[in-house]
Amino acid sequence: MTEGPVVTGRRTVFFVSLVVLAPLVIVLVGFVRREGIWPAGALMVLDVCGNWWGNRHLLPWWQETHP
């Protein structure tokens, strides 16, 4: 089996920070609704950008190696 693209460095920090920040934003929105709206919106935008990057760069490799 061939090795896939390795996501290291800044991208790893980015994706791990999304995993850490998502529950914190959920708690913030749950307890302090008004102050949690902007962080929640920013986190959703970052998540969409990360998913776009992953689909654009990692999905072609996946489709080539898993027909």
PDB file of N, CA and C in Angstrom:
ATOM      1  N   MET A   1       0.840  -1.177   0.000  1.00  0.00           N
ATOM      2  CA  MET A   1       0.000   0.000   0.000  1.00  0.00           C
ATOM      3  C   MET A   1       0.884   1.240   0.000  1.00  0.00           C
ATOM      4  N   THR A   2       0.513   2.231  -0.757  1.00  0.00           N
ATOM      5  CA  THR A   2       1.316   3.448  -0.844  1.00  0.00           C
ATOM      6  C   THR A   2       1.016   4.373   0.320  1.00  0.00           C
ATOM      7  N   GLU A   3       2.022   5.140   0.668  1.00  0.00           N
ATOM      8  CA  GLU A   3       1.852   6.127   1.723  1.00  0.00           C
ATOM      9  C   GLU A   3       1.117   7.339   1.181  1.00  0.00           C
ATOM     10  N   GLY A   4       0.261   7.901   1.993  1.00  0.00           N
ATOM     11  CA  GLY A   4      -0.501   9.064   1.569  1.00  0.00           C
ATOM     12  C   GLY A   4       0.197  10.355   1.921  1.00  0.00           C
ATOM     13  N   PRO A   5      -0.441  11.453   1.600  1.00  0.00           N
ATOM     14  CA  PRO A   5       0.131  12.744   1.948  1.00  0.00           C
ATOM     15  C   PRO A   5       0.165  12.908   3.465  1.00  0.00           C
ATOM     16  N   VAL A   6       1.232  13.467   3.949  1.00  0.00           N
ATOM     17  CA  VAL A   6       1.395  13.661   5.381  1.00  0.00           C
ATOM     18  C   VAL A   6       1.055  15.105   5.719  1.00  0.00           C
ATOM     19  N   VAL A   7       0.181  15.270   6.685  1.00  0.00           N
ATOM     20  CA  VAL A   7      -0.211  16.602   7.127  1.00  0.00           C
ATOM     21  C   VAL A   7       0.591  16.899   8.389  1.00  0.00           C
ATOM     22  N   THR A   8       1.576  17.785   8.276  1.00  0.00           N
ATOM     23  CA  THR A   8       2.439  18.085   9.411  1.00  0.00           C
ATOM     24  C   THR A   8       2.526  19.580   9.635  1.00  0.00           C
ATOM     25  N   GLY A   9       3.162  19.930  10.708  1.00  0.00           N
ATOM     26  CA  GLY A   9       3.459  21.336  10.989  1.00  0.00           C
ATOM     27  C   GLY A   9       2.241  22.174  11.275  1.00  0.00           C
ATOM     28  N   ARG A  10       2.158  23.291  10.575  1.00  0.00           N
ATOM     29  CA  ARG A  10       1.087  24.259  10.831  1.00  0.00           C
ATOM     30  C   ARG A  10      -0.299  23.678  10.569  1.00  0.00           C
ATOM     31  N   ARG A  11      -0.408  22.808   9.587  1.00  0.00           N
ATOM     32  CA  ARG A  11      -1.729  22.225   9.293  1.00  0.00           C
ATOM     33  C   ARG A  11      -2.196  21.335  10.439  1.00  0.00           C
ATOM     34  N   THR A  12      -1.273  20.583  11.021  1.00  0.00           N
ATOM     35  CA  THR A  12      -1.636  19.743  12.159  1.00  0.00           C
ATOM     36  C   THR A  12      -2.097  20.610  13.325  1.00  0.00           C
ATOM     37  N   VAL A  13      -1.374  21.675  13.604  1.00  0.00           N
ATOM     38  CA  VAL A  13      -1.767  22.586  14.676  1.00  0.00           C
ATOM     39  C   VAL A  13      -3.140  23.177  14.382  1.00  0.00           C
ATOM     40  N   PHE A  14      -3.393  23.530  13.138  1.00  0.00           N
ATOM     41  CA  PHE A  14      -4.682  24.101  12.753  1.00  0.00           C
ATOM     42  C   PHE A  14      -5.826  23.128  13.025  1.00  0.00           C
ATOM     43  N   PHE A  15      -5.672  21.880  12.549  1.00  0.00           N
ATOM     44  CA  PHE A  15      -6.755  20.915  12.716  1.00  0.00           C
ATOM     45  C   PHE A  15      -6.937  20.508  14.176  1.00  0.00           C
ATOM     46  N   VAL A  16      -5.859  20.391  14.928  1.00  0.00           N
ATOM     47  CA  VAL A  16      -5.981  20.063  16.354  1.00  0.00           C
ATOM     48  C   VAL A  16      -6.629  21.221  17.107  1.00  0.00           C
ATOM     49  N   SER A  17      -6.295  22.452  16.735  1.00  0.00           N
ATOM     50  CA  SER A  17      -6.925  23.596  17.404  1.00  0.00           C
ATOM     51  C   SER A  17      -8.423  23.632  17.136  1.00  0.00           C
ATOM     52  N   LEU A  18      -8.854  23.213  15.944  1.00  0.00           N
ATOM     53  CA  LEU A  18     -10.296  23.136  15.684  1.00  0.00           C
ATOM     54  C   LEU A  18     -10.964  22.114  16.592  1.00  0.00           C
ATOM     55  N   VAL A  19     -10.291  20.996  16.808  1.00  0.00           N
ATOM     56  CA  VAL A  19     -10.848  19.953  17.677  1.00  0.00           C
ATOM     57  C   VAL A  19     -10.944  20.452  19.109  1.00  0.00           C
ATOM     58  N   VAL A  20      -9.977  21.232  19.547  1.00  0.00           N
ATOM     59  CA  VAL A  20      -9.974  21.747  20.922  1.00  0.00           C
ATOM     60  C   VAL A  20     -10.957  22.901  21.075  1.00  0.00           C
ATOM     61  N   LEU A  21     -11.010  23.793  20.094  1.00  0.00           N
ATOM     62  CA  LEU A  21     -11.847  24.982  20.221  1.00  0.00           C
ATOM     63  C   LEU A  21     -13.343  24.698  20.064  1.00  0.00           C
ATOM     64  N   ALA A  22     -13.703  23.687  19.314  1.00  0.00           N
ATOM     65  CA  ALA A  22     -15.127  23.417  19.076  1.00  0.00           C
ATOM     66  C   ALA A  22     -15.898  23.173  20.376  1.00  0.00           C
ATOM     67  N   PRO A  23     -15.452  22.281  21.268  1.00  0.00           N
ATOM     68  CA  PRO A  23     -16.200  22.112  22.521  1.00  0.00           C
ATOM     69  C   PRO A  23     -16.211  23.370  23.383  1.00  0.00           C
ATOM     70  N   LEU A  24     -15.123  24.137  23.366  1.00  0.00           N
ATOM     71  CA  LEU A  24     -15.093  25.370  24.159  1.00  0.00           C
ATOM     72  C   LEU A  24     -16.119  26.378  23.649  1.00  0.00           C
ATOM     73  N   VAL A  25     -16.245  26.480  22.347  1.00  0.00           N
ATOM     74  CA  VAL A  25     -17.235  27.403  21.774  1.00  0.00           C
ATOM     75  C   VAL A  25     -18.648  26.919  22.069  1.00  0.00           C
ATOM     76  N   ILE A  26     -18.861  25.620  22.038  1.00  0.00           N
ATOM     77  CA  ILE A  26     -20.189  25.077  22.364  1.00  0.00           C
ATOM     78  C   ILE A  26     -20.570  25.431  23.796  1.00  0.00           C
ATOM     79  N   VAL A  27     -19.635  25.294  24.724  1.00  0.00           N
ATOM     80  CA  VAL A  27     -19.897  25.650  26.124  1.00  0.00           C
ATOM     81  C   VAL A  27     -20.153  27.148  26.234  1.00  0.00           C
ATOM     82  N   LEU A  28     -19.358  27.954  25.536  1.00  0.00           N
ATOM     83  CA  LEU A  28     -19.539  29.404  25.583  1.00  0.00           C
ATOM     84  C   LEU A  28     -20.906  29.802  25.047  1.00  0.00           C
ATOM     85  N   VAL A  29     -21.322  29.199  23.947  1.00  0.00           N
ATOM     86  CA  VAL A  29     -22.642  29.508  23.387  1.00  0.00           C
ATOM     87  C   VAL A  29     -23.742  29.024  24.332  1.00  0.00           C
ATOM     88  N   GLY A  30     -23.512  27.881  24.978  1.00  0.00           N
ATOM     89  CA  GLY A  30     -24.523  27.349  25.895  1.00  0.00           C
ATOM     90  C   GLY A  30     -24.732  28.190  27.134  1.00  0.00           C
ATOM     91  N   PHE A  31     -23.633  28.720  27.694  1.00  0.00           N
ATOM     92  CA  PHE A  31     -23.738  29.470  28.945  1.00  0.00           C
ATOM     93  C   PHE A  31     -23.891  30.971  28.744  1.00  0.00           C
ATOM     94  N   VAL A  32     -23.183  31.531  27.820  1.00  0.00           N
ATOM     95  CA  VAL A  32     -23.219  32.968  27.585  1.00  0.00           C
ATOM     96  C   VAL A  32     -23.527  33.157  26.103  1.00  0.00           C
ATOM     97  N   ARG A  33     -24.762  33.076  25.764  1.00  0.00           N
ATOM     98  CA  ARG A  33     -25.186  33.014  24.368  1.00  0.00           C
ATOM     99  C   ARG A  33     -24.689  34.191  23.516  1.00  0.00           C
ATOM    100  N   ARG A  34     -24.862  35.389  24.002  1.00  0.00           N
ATOM    101  CA  ARG A  34     -24.554  36.562  23.181  1.00  0.00           C
ATOM    102  C   ARG A  34     -23.063  36.673  22.864  1.00  0.00           C
ATOM    103  N   GLU A  35     -22.209  36.406  23.834  1.00  0.00           N
ATOM    104  CA  GLU A  35     -20.766  36.505  23.619  1.00  0.00           C
ATOM    105  C   GLU A  35     -20.217  35.321  22.832  1.00  0.00           C
ATOM    106  N   GLY A  36     -20.976  34.257  22.704  1.00  0.00           N
ATOM    107  CA  GLY A  36     -20.496  33.074  22.002  1.00  0.00           C
ATOM    108  C   GLY A  36     -20.777  33.066  20.510  1.00  0.00           C
ATOM    109  N   ILE A  37     -21.577  34.009  20.047  1.00  0.00           N
ATOM    110  CA  ILE A  37     -21.973  34.016  18.633  1.00  0.00           C
ATOM    111  C   ILE A  37     -20.771  34.277  17.721  1.00  0.00           C
ATOM    112  N   TRP A  38     -19.963  35.292  18.004  1.00  0.00           N
ATOM    113  CA  TRP A  38     -18.829  35.621  17.132  1.00  0.00           C
ATOM    114  C   TRP A  38     -17.768  34.527  17.112  1.00  0.00           C
ATOM    115  N   PRO A  39     -17.365  33.982  18.270  1.00  0.00           N
ATOM    116  CA  PRO A  39     -16.402  32.870  18.207  1.00  0.00           C
ATOM    117  C   PRO A  39     -16.957  31.653  17.466  1.00  0.00           C
ATOM    118  N   ALA A  40     -18.248  31.398  17.617  1.00  0.00           N
ATOM    119  CA  ALA A  40     -18.850  30.259  16.918  1.00  0.00           C
ATOM    120  C   ALA A  40     -18.829  30.486  15.406  1.00  0.00           C
ATOM    121  N   GLY A  41     -19.146  31.692  14.978  1.00  0.00           N
ATOM    122  CA  GLY A  41     -19.101  32.001  13.551  1.00  0.00           C
ATOM    123  C   GLY A  41     -17.696  31.911  12.991  1.00  0.00           C
ATOM    124  N   ALA A  42     -16.722  32.429  13.746  1.00  0.00           N
ATOM    125  CA  ALA A  42     -15.328  32.360  13.294  1.00  0.00           C
ATOM    126  C   ALA A  42     -14.846  30.917  13.214  1.00  0.00           C
ATOM    127  N   LEU A  43     -15.228  30.114  14.186  1.00  0.00           N
ATOM    128  CA  LEU A  43     -14.824  28.707  14.176  1.00  0.00           C
ATOM    129  C   LEU A  43     -15.456  27.969  12.997  1.00  0.00           C
ATOM    130  N   MET A  44     -16.702  28.277  12.665  1.00  0.00           N
ATOM    131  CA  MET A  44     -17.337  27.630  11.519  1.00  0.00           C
ATOM    132  C   MET A  44     -16.644  28.018  10.213  1.00  0.00           C
ATOM    133  N   VAL A  45     -16.243  29.289  10.091  1.00  0.00           N
ATOM    134  CA  VAL A  45     -15.531  29.725   8.885  1.00  0.00           C
ATOM    135  C   VAL A  45     -14.189  28.997   8.781  1.00  0.00           C
ATOM    136  N   LEU A  46     -13.451  28.903   9.890  1.00  0.00           N
ATOM    137  CA  LEU A  46     -12.179  28.184   9.880  1.00  0.00           C
ATOM    138  C   LEU A  46     -12.378  26.711   9.547  1.00  0.00           C
ATOM    139  N   ASP A  47     -13.442  26.122  10.058  1.00  0.00           N
ATOM    140  CA  ASP A  47     -13.724  24.715   9.784  1.00  0.00           C
ATOM    141  C   ASP A  47     -14.035  24.499   8.303  1.00  0.00           C
ATOM    142  N   VAL A  48     -14.814  25.382   7.721  1.00  0.00           N
ATOM    143  CA  VAL A  48     -15.118  25.277   6.286  1.00  0.00           C
ATOM    144  C   VAL A  48     -13.845  25.420   5.465  1.00  0.00           C
ATOM    145  N   CYS A  49     -12.981  26.358   5.844  1.00  0.00           N
ATOM    146  CA  CYS A  49     -11.714  26.533   5.113  1.00  0.00           C
ATOM    147  C   CYS A  49     -10.840  25.290   5.237  1.00  0.00           C
ATOM    148  N   GLY A  50     -10.777  24.708   6.419  1.00  0.00           N
ATOM    149  CA  GLY A  50      -9.995  23.486   6.604  1.00  0.00           C
ATOM    150  C   GLY A  50     -10.554  22.321   5.814  1.00  0.00           C
ATOM    151  N   ASN A  51     -11.860  22.190   5.787  1.00  0.00           N
ATOM    152  CA  ASN A  51     -12.477  21.118   4.998  1.00  0.00           C
ATOM    153  C   ASN A  51     -12.248  21.336   3.508  1.00  0.00           C
ATOM    154  N   TRP A  52     -12.318  22.592   3.065  1.00  0.00           N
ATOM    155  CA  TRP A  52     -12.045  22.887   1.654  1.00  0.00           C
ATOM    156  C   TRP A  52     -10.619  22.484   1.310  1.00  0.00           C
ATOM    157  N   TRP A  53      -9.663  22.853   2.160  1.00  0.00           N
ATOM    158  CA  TRP A  53      -8.267  22.519   1.894  1.00  0.00           C
ATOM    159  C   TRP A  53      -8.086  21.007   1.851  1.00  0.00           C
ATOM    160  N   GLY A  54      -8.667  20.306   2.815  1.00  0.00           N
ATOM    161  CA  GLY A  54      -8.536  18.850   2.835  1.00  0.00           C
ATOM    162  C   GLY A  54      -9.146  18.197   1.610  1.00  0.00           C
ATOM    163  N   ASN A  55     -10.299  18.652   1.209  1.00  0.00           N
ATOM    164  CA  ASN A  55     -10.941  18.081   0.022  1.00  0.00           C
ATOM    165  C   ASN A  55     -10.147  18.383  -1.240  1.00  0.00           C
ATOM    166  N   ARG A  56      -9.574  19.554  -1.311  1.00  0.00           N
ATOM    167  CA  ARG A  56      -8.837  19.948  -2.510  1.00  0.00           C
ATOM    168  C   ARG A  56      -7.490  19.242  -2.617  1.00  0.00           C
ATOM    169  N   HIS A  57      -6.813  19.008  -1.507  1.00  0.00           N
ATOM    170  CA  HIS A  57      -5.456  18.474  -1.538  1.00  0.00           C
ATOM    171  C   HIS A  57      -5.363  16.992  -1.183  1.00  0.00           C
ATOM    172  N   LEU A  58      -6.229  16.503  -0.334  1.00  0.00           N
ATOM    173  CA  LEU A  58      -6.122  15.117   0.102  1.00  0.00           C
ATOM    174  C   LEU A  58      -7.075  14.186  -0.628  1.00  0.00           C
ATOM    175  N   LEU A  59      -8.217  14.673  -1.058  1.00  0.00           N
ATOM    176  CA  LEU A  59      -9.200  13.822  -1.719  1.00  0.00           C
ATOM    177  C   LEU A  59      -8.714  13.255  -3.050  1.00  0.00           C
ATOM    178  N   PRO A  60      -8.023  14.016  -3.904  1.00  0.00           N
ATOM    179  CA  PRO A  60      -7.536  13.404  -5.158  1.00  0.00           C
ATOM    180  C   PRO A  60      -6.608  12.218  -4.904  1.00  0.00           C
ATOM    181  N   TRP A  61      -5.729  12.314  -3.901  1.00  0.00           N
ATOM    182  CA  TRP A  61      -4.855  11.182  -3.577  1.00  0.00           C
ATOM    183  C   TRP A  61      -5.695   9.975  -3.151  1.00  0.00           C
ATOM    184  N   TRP A  62      -6.692  10.202  -2.332  1.00  0.00           N
ATOM    185  CA  TRP A  62      -7.541   9.126  -1.842  1.00  0.00           C
ATOM    186  C   TRP A  62      -8.277   8.441  -2.999  1.00  0.00           C
ATOM    187  N   GLN A  63      -8.791   9.225  -3.913  1.00  0.00           N
ATOM    188  CA  GLN A  63      -9.531   8.650  -5.059  1.00  0.00           C
ATOM    189  C   GLN A  63      -8.621   7.878  -5.978  1.00  0.00           C
ATOM    190  N   GLU A  64      -7.362   8.286  -6.116  1.00  0.00           N
ATOM    191  CA  GLU A  64      -6.428   7.558  -6.963  1.00  0.00           C
ATOM    192  C   GLU A  64      -6.022   6.221  -6.354  1.00  0.00           C
ATOM    193  N   THR A  65      -5.876   6.163  -5.051  1.00  0.00           N
ATOM    194  CA  THR A  65      -5.382   4.953  -4.392  1.00  0.00           C
ATOM    195  C   THR A  65      -6.494   4.023  -3.940  1.00  0.00           C
ATOM    196  N   HIS A  66      -7.718   4.469  -3.934  1.00  0.00           N
ATOM    197  CA  HIS A  66      -8.856   3.633  -3.520  1.00  0.00           C
ATOM    198  C   HIS A  66      -9.966   3.705  -4.580  1.00  0.00           C
ATOM    199  N   PRO A  67      -9.801   2.969  -5.673  1.00  0.00           N
ATOM    200  CA  PRO A  67     -10.807   3.060  -6.762  1.00  0.00           C
ATOM    201  C   PRO A  67     -12.137   2.429  -6.380  1.00  0.00           C
TER     202      PRO A  67
END
